[in-house]
N, C-alpha and C. Protein backbone atom coordinates (compact mmCIF):
# COMPACT_ATOMS: atom_id res chain seq x y z
N MET A 1 -153.50 13.80 162.02
CA MET A 1 -151.99 13.54 162.65
C MET A 1 -151.73 12.10 162.19
N LEU A 2 -150.42 11.45 161.91
CA LEU A 2 -149.99 10.13 161.63
C LEU A 2 -149.57 9.79 162.81
N GLU A 3 -149.98 8.37 163.10
CA GLU A 3 -149.60 7.81 164.25
C GLU A 3 -148.34 6.81 163.63
N ARG A 4 -147.18 6.92 164.82
CA ARG A 4 -145.47 6.69 164.10
C ARG A 4 -145.70 5.15 165.01
N ILE A 5 -145.33 4.15 164.15
CA ILE A 5 -145.29 2.84 164.34
C ILE A 5 -143.87 2.62 164.15
N PRO A 6 -143.31 1.99 165.57
CA PRO A 6 -142.01 1.52 165.89
C PRO A 6 -141.81 1.06 165.17
N PRO A 7 -140.20 1.23 164.46
CA PRO A 7 -139.39 0.52 163.42
C PRO A 7 -139.56 -0.95 163.65
N GLN A 8 -139.36 -1.27 164.65
CA GLN A 8 -139.22 -3.36 164.99
C GLN A 8 -140.70 -3.93 164.45
N HIS A 9 -141.87 -3.14 164.08
CA HIS A 9 -142.80 -3.29 163.72
C HIS A 9 -143.57 -2.97 162.57
N VAL A 10 -142.56 -2.54 161.47
CA VAL A 10 -142.82 -2.00 159.94
C VAL A 10 -142.79 -3.77 159.33
N SER A 11 -143.41 -3.41 158.45
CA SER A 11 -143.20 -5.22 157.52
C SER A 11 -141.68 -5.22 156.70
N MET A 12 -141.18 -6.11 156.96
CA MET A 12 -139.66 -6.34 156.31
C MET A 12 -139.88 -6.57 154.74
N ALA A 13 -138.74 -6.20 153.39
CA ALA A 13 -138.61 -6.86 152.83
C ALA A 13 -138.57 -7.85 152.63
N ALA A 14 -137.93 -8.81 151.75
CA ALA A 14 -137.65 -10.41 151.26
C ALA A 14 -136.08 -10.05 151.93
N LYS A 15 -134.75 -8.92 151.45
CA LYS A 15 -133.91 -9.23 151.46
C LYS A 15 -133.15 -8.93 153.06
N GLU A 16 -134.32 -7.75 153.57
CA GLU A 16 -134.07 -7.34 155.51
C GLU A 16 -134.42 -8.83 155.93
N ARG A 17 -135.45 -9.50 155.85
CA ARG A 17 -136.31 -10.97 156.65
C ARG A 17 -135.20 -11.54 156.27
N SER A 18 -134.39 -11.74 154.94
CA SER A 18 -133.18 -12.91 155.02
C SER A 18 -131.71 -12.09 156.13
N PHE A 19 -131.38 -11.19 156.19
CA PHE A 19 -130.30 -10.93 156.68
C PHE A 19 -130.73 -10.77 158.35
N TYR A 20 -132.26 -10.62 158.87
CA TYR A 20 -132.37 -10.36 160.28
C TYR A 20 -132.64 -12.32 160.76
N ALA A 21 -133.29 -13.09 159.58
CA ALA A 21 -132.91 -14.31 159.96
C ALA A 21 -131.72 -15.21 160.41
N ALA A 22 -130.68 -14.60 159.81
CA ALA A 22 -129.45 -14.88 159.98
C ALA A 22 -128.54 -14.14 160.69
N LEU A 23 -128.92 -13.06 161.63
CA LEU A 23 -128.53 -12.26 162.61
C LEU A 23 -129.36 -12.97 163.78
N GLY A 24 -130.54 -13.66 163.49
CA GLY A 24 -131.05 -14.13 164.81
C GLY A 24 -130.36 -15.55 164.88
N GLN A 25 -130.15 -16.16 163.92
CA GLN A 25 -129.66 -17.54 163.69
C GLN A 25 -128.39 -17.34 164.49
N ARG A 26 -126.92 -16.19 164.15
CA ARG A 26 -126.26 -16.21 164.83
C ARG A 26 -125.96 -15.89 166.43
N ILE A 27 -127.07 -14.82 166.54
CA ILE A 27 -127.28 -14.94 168.23
C ILE A 27 -127.59 -16.58 168.76
N ALA A 28 -128.45 -17.06 168.18
CA ALA A 28 -128.76 -18.20 168.93
C ALA A 28 -127.62 -18.82 169.11
N GLU A 29 -126.81 -18.61 168.04
CA GLU A 29 -125.78 -20.13 168.33
C GLU A 29 -125.01 -19.41 169.32
N GLN A 30 -124.52 -18.49 169.59
CA GLN A 30 -123.57 -17.80 170.07
C GLN A 30 -124.11 -17.76 171.64
N ARG A 31 -125.14 -17.21 171.88
CA ARG A 31 -125.97 -17.90 173.14
C ARG A 31 -125.75 -19.18 173.75
N LYS A 32 -125.81 -20.08 172.43
CA LYS A 32 -126.08 -21.67 172.79
C LYS A 32 -124.72 -22.15 173.23
N ALA A 33 -123.53 -21.32 172.52
CA ALA A 33 -121.89 -21.76 172.67
C ALA A 33 -121.94 -21.47 174.24
N LEU A 34 -122.58 -20.29 174.65
CA LEU A 34 -121.94 -19.63 176.03
C LEU A 34 -123.01 -20.34 176.78
N GLY A 35 -123.75 -21.23 176.15
CA GLY A 35 -125.06 -22.09 177.63
C GLY A 35 -125.96 -20.95 178.58
N ILE A 36 -126.23 -19.88 177.75
CA ILE A 36 -127.45 -19.01 178.28
C ILE A 36 -128.30 -19.45 177.59
N THR A 37 -129.57 -19.19 178.74
CA THR A 37 -130.70 -19.66 177.98
C THR A 37 -131.74 -18.52 177.02
N GLN A 38 -132.45 -18.15 176.32
CA GLN A 38 -133.01 -17.00 176.03
C GLN A 38 -133.56 -16.10 177.04
N ALA A 39 -134.13 -16.08 178.03
CA ALA A 39 -134.63 -16.13 178.97
C ALA A 39 -133.31 -15.33 179.87
N GLN A 40 -132.30 -15.59 180.56
CA GLN A 40 -131.21 -15.11 180.66
C GLN A 40 -130.63 -14.27 180.49
N LEU A 41 -130.56 -14.36 178.94
CA LEU A 41 -130.04 -13.31 177.75
C LEU A 41 -131.16 -11.98 177.58
N ALA A 42 -131.99 -12.00 177.53
CA ALA A 42 -133.07 -11.50 177.62
C ALA A 42 -132.99 -10.09 179.16
N GLU A 43 -132.99 -11.25 180.03
CA GLU A 43 -133.05 -10.02 181.41
C GLU A 43 -131.56 -9.65 181.57
N GLN A 44 -130.52 -10.41 180.90
CA GLN A 44 -129.21 -9.62 181.08
C GLN A 44 -129.71 -8.02 180.36
N LEU A 45 -130.28 -8.45 179.36
CA LEU A 45 -130.47 -6.97 178.52
C LEU A 45 -131.16 -6.29 178.83
N GLY A 46 -132.53 -6.32 179.43
CA GLY A 46 -133.49 -5.81 180.22
C GLY A 46 -134.75 -5.62 179.39
N ILE A 47 -135.19 -6.80 178.52
CA ILE A 47 -136.12 -7.04 177.52
C ILE A 47 -137.02 -8.35 177.65
N ALA A 48 -138.07 -8.38 176.93
CA ALA A 48 -138.41 -9.50 177.50
C ALA A 48 -137.95 -10.35 176.82
N GLN A 49 -138.55 -12.10 177.12
CA GLN A 49 -138.13 -13.38 176.75
C GLN A 49 -138.85 -13.24 175.16
N GLN A 50 -139.56 -13.09 174.98
CA GLN A 50 -140.28 -13.35 173.80
C GLN A 50 -139.94 -12.28 172.36
N THR A 51 -139.72 -11.27 172.97
CA THR A 51 -138.63 -10.31 172.14
C THR A 51 -137.14 -10.87 171.69
N MET A 52 -136.52 -11.36 172.58
CA MET A 52 -135.90 -12.33 172.09
C MET A 52 -135.69 -13.43 171.50
N ALA A 53 -136.94 -13.74 171.83
CA ALA A 53 -137.39 -14.81 170.55
C ALA A 53 -137.52 -14.54 169.25
N HIS A 54 -138.36 -12.88 169.20
CA HIS A 54 -138.15 -12.75 167.99
C HIS A 54 -136.98 -12.64 167.39
N TYR A 55 -136.21 -11.88 168.01
CA TYR A 55 -134.83 -11.56 167.42
C TYR A 55 -134.14 -12.47 167.06
N GLU A 56 -134.13 -13.62 167.76
CA GLU A 56 -133.74 -14.96 167.30
C GLU A 56 -134.16 -15.67 165.76
N GLY A 57 -135.31 -15.37 166.01
CA GLY A 57 -136.29 -15.76 164.53
C GLY A 57 -136.41 -15.10 163.25
N GLY A 58 -135.36 -13.95 163.62
CA GLY A 58 -135.42 -13.20 162.73
C GLY A 58 -136.92 -12.27 162.27
N VAL A 59 -137.95 -12.23 163.40
CA VAL A 59 -139.04 -11.50 163.13
C VAL A 59 -139.02 -10.17 163.32
N SER A 60 -138.13 -9.72 164.18
CA SER A 60 -138.26 -8.36 164.92
C SER A 60 -136.87 -7.49 164.32
N ARG A 61 -136.70 -6.66 164.07
CA ARG A 61 -135.31 -5.65 163.79
C ARG A 61 -135.21 -5.73 165.10
N ILE A 62 -133.99 -5.51 165.26
CA ILE A 62 -133.03 -4.55 166.52
C ILE A 62 -132.17 -3.65 166.42
N ALA A 63 -132.85 -2.67 167.62
CA ALA A 63 -132.40 -1.70 167.44
C ALA A 63 -130.50 -1.38 167.55
N VAL A 64 -130.09 -0.45 166.98
CA VAL A 64 -128.36 -0.35 166.83
C VAL A 64 -128.18 -0.77 168.27
N GLU A 65 -128.24 0.65 169.60
CA GLU A 65 -128.14 -0.31 170.75
C GLU A 65 -128.22 -1.37 171.34
N THR A 66 -129.04 -1.90 171.25
CA THR A 66 -129.62 -3.58 171.46
C THR A 66 -128.67 -3.92 171.08
N LEU A 67 -128.26 -3.95 169.69
CA LEU A 67 -127.23 -5.03 168.97
C LEU A 67 -125.86 -4.33 169.53
N ALA A 68 -125.37 -3.69 169.87
CA ALA A 68 -124.41 -3.53 170.85
C ALA A 68 -124.06 -4.26 172.08
N GLN A 69 -125.37 -4.27 172.88
CA GLN A 69 -125.31 -4.48 174.28
C GLN A 69 -125.48 -6.23 174.08
N LEU A 70 -126.32 -6.55 172.80
CA LEU A 70 -126.16 -8.06 172.72
C LEU A 70 -124.98 -8.89 172.25
N ALA A 71 -123.70 -7.71 171.68
CA ALA A 71 -122.49 -8.26 171.23
C ALA A 71 -121.93 -8.27 172.20
N GLU A 72 -121.86 -7.32 173.26
CA GLU A 72 -121.16 -7.41 174.63
C GLU A 72 -121.74 -8.67 175.13
N ALA A 73 -123.42 -8.91 175.45
CA ALA A 73 -123.32 -9.81 176.16
C ALA A 73 -122.91 -11.03 175.79
N LEU A 74 -122.77 -11.64 174.58
CA LEU A 74 -122.63 -12.41 173.68
C LEU A 74 -120.84 -12.65 173.53
N GLN A 75 -120.56 -11.67 174.29
CA GLN A 75 -118.65 -12.03 174.13
C GLN A 75 -118.37 -11.90 172.82
N THR A 76 -118.62 -10.98 171.85
CA THR A 76 -118.78 -11.24 170.38
C THR A 76 -118.28 -9.72 170.00
N SER A 77 -118.58 -9.83 168.72
CA SER A 77 -118.73 -8.07 167.74
C SER A 77 -119.91 -7.81 166.82
N VAL A 78 -120.25 -6.52 167.13
CA VAL A 78 -121.39 -5.96 166.14
C VAL A 78 -121.09 -7.11 164.80
N GLU A 79 -119.57 -6.88 164.28
CA GLU A 79 -119.80 -6.94 162.98
C GLU A 79 -119.34 -8.62 162.99
N GLU A 80 -119.19 -9.34 164.10
CA GLU A 80 -119.76 -11.03 163.97
C GLU A 80 -120.85 -11.30 164.12
N LEU A 81 -121.75 -10.65 165.02
CA LEU A 81 -123.06 -10.65 164.77
C LEU A 81 -123.92 -10.27 163.09
N ILE A 82 -123.32 -9.38 162.66
CA ILE A 82 -124.40 -9.23 161.70
C ILE A 82 -123.70 -9.67 160.44
N GLY A 83 -122.74 -10.76 160.44
CA GLY A 83 -121.80 -11.57 159.39
C GLY A 83 -120.64 -10.77 158.54
N THR A 84 -120.09 -10.03 159.24
CA THR A 84 -119.01 -9.06 158.29
C THR A 84 -118.08 -8.86 159.16
N PRO A 85 -117.52 -10.03 159.35
CA PRO A 85 -116.21 -9.98 160.46
C PRO A 85 -115.23 -8.85 160.21
N ALA A 86 -114.74 -7.97 160.95
CA ALA A 86 -114.06 -7.23 161.00
C ALA A 86 -112.65 -6.90 160.14
N LYS A 87 -112.45 -6.41 159.51
CA LYS A 87 -111.18 -6.06 158.35
C LYS A 87 -109.92 -5.46 159.49
N ARG A 88 -109.05 -6.24 159.03
CA ARG A 88 -107.38 -5.68 159.58
C ARG A 88 -107.48 -4.79 158.53
N ARG A 89 -106.76 -3.50 159.78
CA ARG A 89 -106.57 -2.37 159.48
C ARG A 89 -105.17 -2.40 158.58
N ALA A 90 -105.51 -1.57 157.11
CA ALA A 90 -104.37 -1.92 156.40
C ALA A 90 -103.11 -0.96 156.83
N SER A 91 -101.95 -1.82 156.79
CA SER A 91 -100.62 -0.68 156.94
C SER A 91 -100.97 0.60 156.38
N LYS A 92 -100.74 1.47 157.24
CA LYS A 92 -100.41 3.30 156.77
C LYS A 92 -99.43 3.61 155.63
N ARG A 93 -98.15 2.63 155.96
CA ARG A 93 -97.45 2.39 155.45
C ARG A 93 -97.15 2.20 153.49
N GLY A 94 -97.91 1.50 153.16
CA GLY A 94 -97.66 1.22 151.94
C GLY A 94 -97.85 -0.36 152.25
N PRO A 95 -96.79 -0.98 151.22
CA PRO A 95 -96.41 -2.35 151.25
C PRO A 95 -95.84 -2.71 152.87
N ALA A 96 -95.71 -4.32 153.16
CA ALA A 96 -95.17 -4.61 154.09
C ALA A 96 -94.00 -4.21 154.37
N SER A 97 -93.83 -4.28 155.41
CA SER A 97 -92.31 -4.17 156.15
C SER A 97 -91.55 -5.22 155.92
N LYS A 98 -90.60 -5.26 156.08
CA LYS A 98 -88.94 -6.07 155.41
C LYS A 98 -89.75 -7.47 156.34
N LEU A 99 -89.41 -6.75 158.17
CA LEU A 99 -90.23 -7.42 159.24
C LEU A 99 -91.12 -8.18 158.98
N GLN A 100 -92.12 -7.74 158.31
CA GLN A 100 -93.40 -8.49 158.28
C GLN A 100 -93.24 -9.07 157.30
N GLN A 101 -92.74 -8.81 156.16
CA GLN A 101 -93.02 -9.96 155.28
C GLN A 101 -91.97 -11.10 155.60
N GLN A 102 -90.53 -10.69 156.29
CA GLN A 102 -89.87 -12.41 157.32
C GLN A 102 -91.09 -13.22 158.05
N LEU A 103 -91.69 -12.33 158.61
CA LEU A 103 -92.82 -12.92 159.77
C LEU A 103 -93.82 -13.83 159.06
N GLU A 104 -93.89 -13.36 157.93
CA GLU A 104 -94.62 -14.24 157.04
C GLU A 104 -94.09 -15.38 156.42
N GLN A 105 -92.92 -15.30 156.12
CA GLN A 105 -92.20 -16.46 155.95
C GLN A 105 -91.43 -17.20 156.77
N ILE A 106 -91.63 -16.78 158.16
CA ILE A 106 -91.08 -17.89 158.92
C ILE A 106 -92.92 -18.40 159.11
N GLY A 107 -93.65 -17.82 159.22
CA GLY A 107 -95.17 -18.75 159.02
C GLY A 107 -94.96 -19.65 158.15
N LYS A 108 -94.61 -19.79 157.22
CA LYS A 108 -94.54 -20.79 156.67
C LYS A 108 -93.72 -22.20 156.71
N LEU A 109 -92.35 -21.77 157.67
CA LEU A 109 -91.53 -22.94 157.85
C LEU A 109 -92.32 -23.86 158.69
N PRO A 110 -91.52 -25.71 158.70
CA PRO A 110 -91.76 -26.34 159.33
C PRO A 110 -92.08 -25.71 161.27
N ALA A 111 -92.84 -26.26 161.89
CA ALA A 111 -92.85 -26.13 163.43
C ALA A 111 -91.60 -26.13 164.10
N ALA A 112 -90.75 -26.85 163.67
CA ALA A 112 -89.66 -26.85 164.53
C ALA A 112 -88.69 -25.94 164.00
N LYS A 113 -88.09 -25.47 162.91
CA LYS A 113 -87.47 -24.36 162.46
C LYS A 113 -88.49 -22.97 162.94
N GLN A 114 -89.73 -23.12 163.01
CA GLN A 114 -90.31 -21.75 163.82
C GLN A 114 -90.43 -21.58 165.00
N ARG A 115 -89.85 -22.79 165.99
CA ARG A 115 -89.67 -22.79 167.23
C ARG A 115 -88.25 -22.10 167.49
N ALA A 116 -87.09 -23.02 166.85
CA ALA A 116 -85.82 -22.22 166.59
C ALA A 116 -85.46 -20.99 166.42
N ILE A 117 -86.29 -20.82 165.30
CA ILE A 117 -86.27 -18.66 164.98
C ILE A 117 -86.78 -18.29 166.63
N ALA A 118 -87.41 -18.84 166.90
CA ALA A 118 -88.43 -18.35 168.42
C ALA A 118 -87.62 -18.36 169.82
N GLN A 119 -86.97 -19.37 169.75
CA GLN A 119 -86.07 -18.99 170.57
C GLN A 119 -84.66 -18.00 170.56
N VAL A 120 -84.03 -17.80 169.34
CA VAL A 120 -82.94 -16.95 169.45
C VAL A 120 -83.62 -15.72 169.34
N LEU A 121 -84.67 -15.41 168.68
CA LEU A 121 -85.45 -13.91 169.02
C LEU A 121 -85.65 -13.68 171.00
N ASP A 122 -86.05 -14.68 171.16
CA ASP A 122 -86.28 -14.72 172.48
C ASP A 122 -85.24 -14.15 173.38
N ALA A 123 -84.14 -15.10 173.28
CA ALA A 123 -82.54 -14.84 173.47
C ALA A 123 -82.33 -13.33 173.34
N MET A 124 -82.51 -12.97 172.10
CA MET A 124 -81.60 -11.41 171.90
C MET A 124 -82.52 -10.12 172.71
N LEU A 125 -84.12 -10.94 172.87
CA LEU A 125 -84.78 -10.04 173.46
C LEU A 125 -84.17 -9.78 174.51
N GLN A 126 -84.02 -10.55 175.33
CA GLN A 126 -84.08 -11.27 176.82
C GLN A 126 -82.51 -10.63 177.06
N GLN A 127 -81.86 -10.54 176.24
CA GLN A 127 -80.19 -9.68 176.46
C GLN A 127 -80.33 -8.03 176.49
N HIS A 128 -81.56 -7.37 175.34
CA HIS A 128 -82.00 -6.05 175.74
C HIS A 128 -83.07 -6.06 176.20
N GLY A 129 -83.41 -6.67 177.46
CA GLY A 129 -84.05 -5.76 178.23
C GLY A 129 -85.73 -5.58 177.81
N ALA A 130 -86.05 -6.41 176.54
CA ALA A 130 -87.46 -6.26 176.18
C ALA A 130 -88.43 -7.09 176.92
């Protein structure tokens, strides 16, 4: 009978090591930005501080459920942690609507003109109870 080795203890290939090292660095950066210590974050996740250090050092794999908990604790998304920011959903209607195109054009105008357009929109929306 073969002994089952926990996944976090199986040796990693170079590409995996690189991924987990970058992931660990992003975790550490976000943790520090929030002013949280490794010990505090580990306690919040219910893991040992040494395990947290291994995650940040890219030494250990992180279970998916732990990654989700980490993202929540660090006030970010799993996508941000793993280095693939969430993509904006494409419109189901195909090309951008005329209103969307107009909004993009307004975004390119000088700030003073943007404010003027915003005031007109605000006034019209107030008239119609929106």
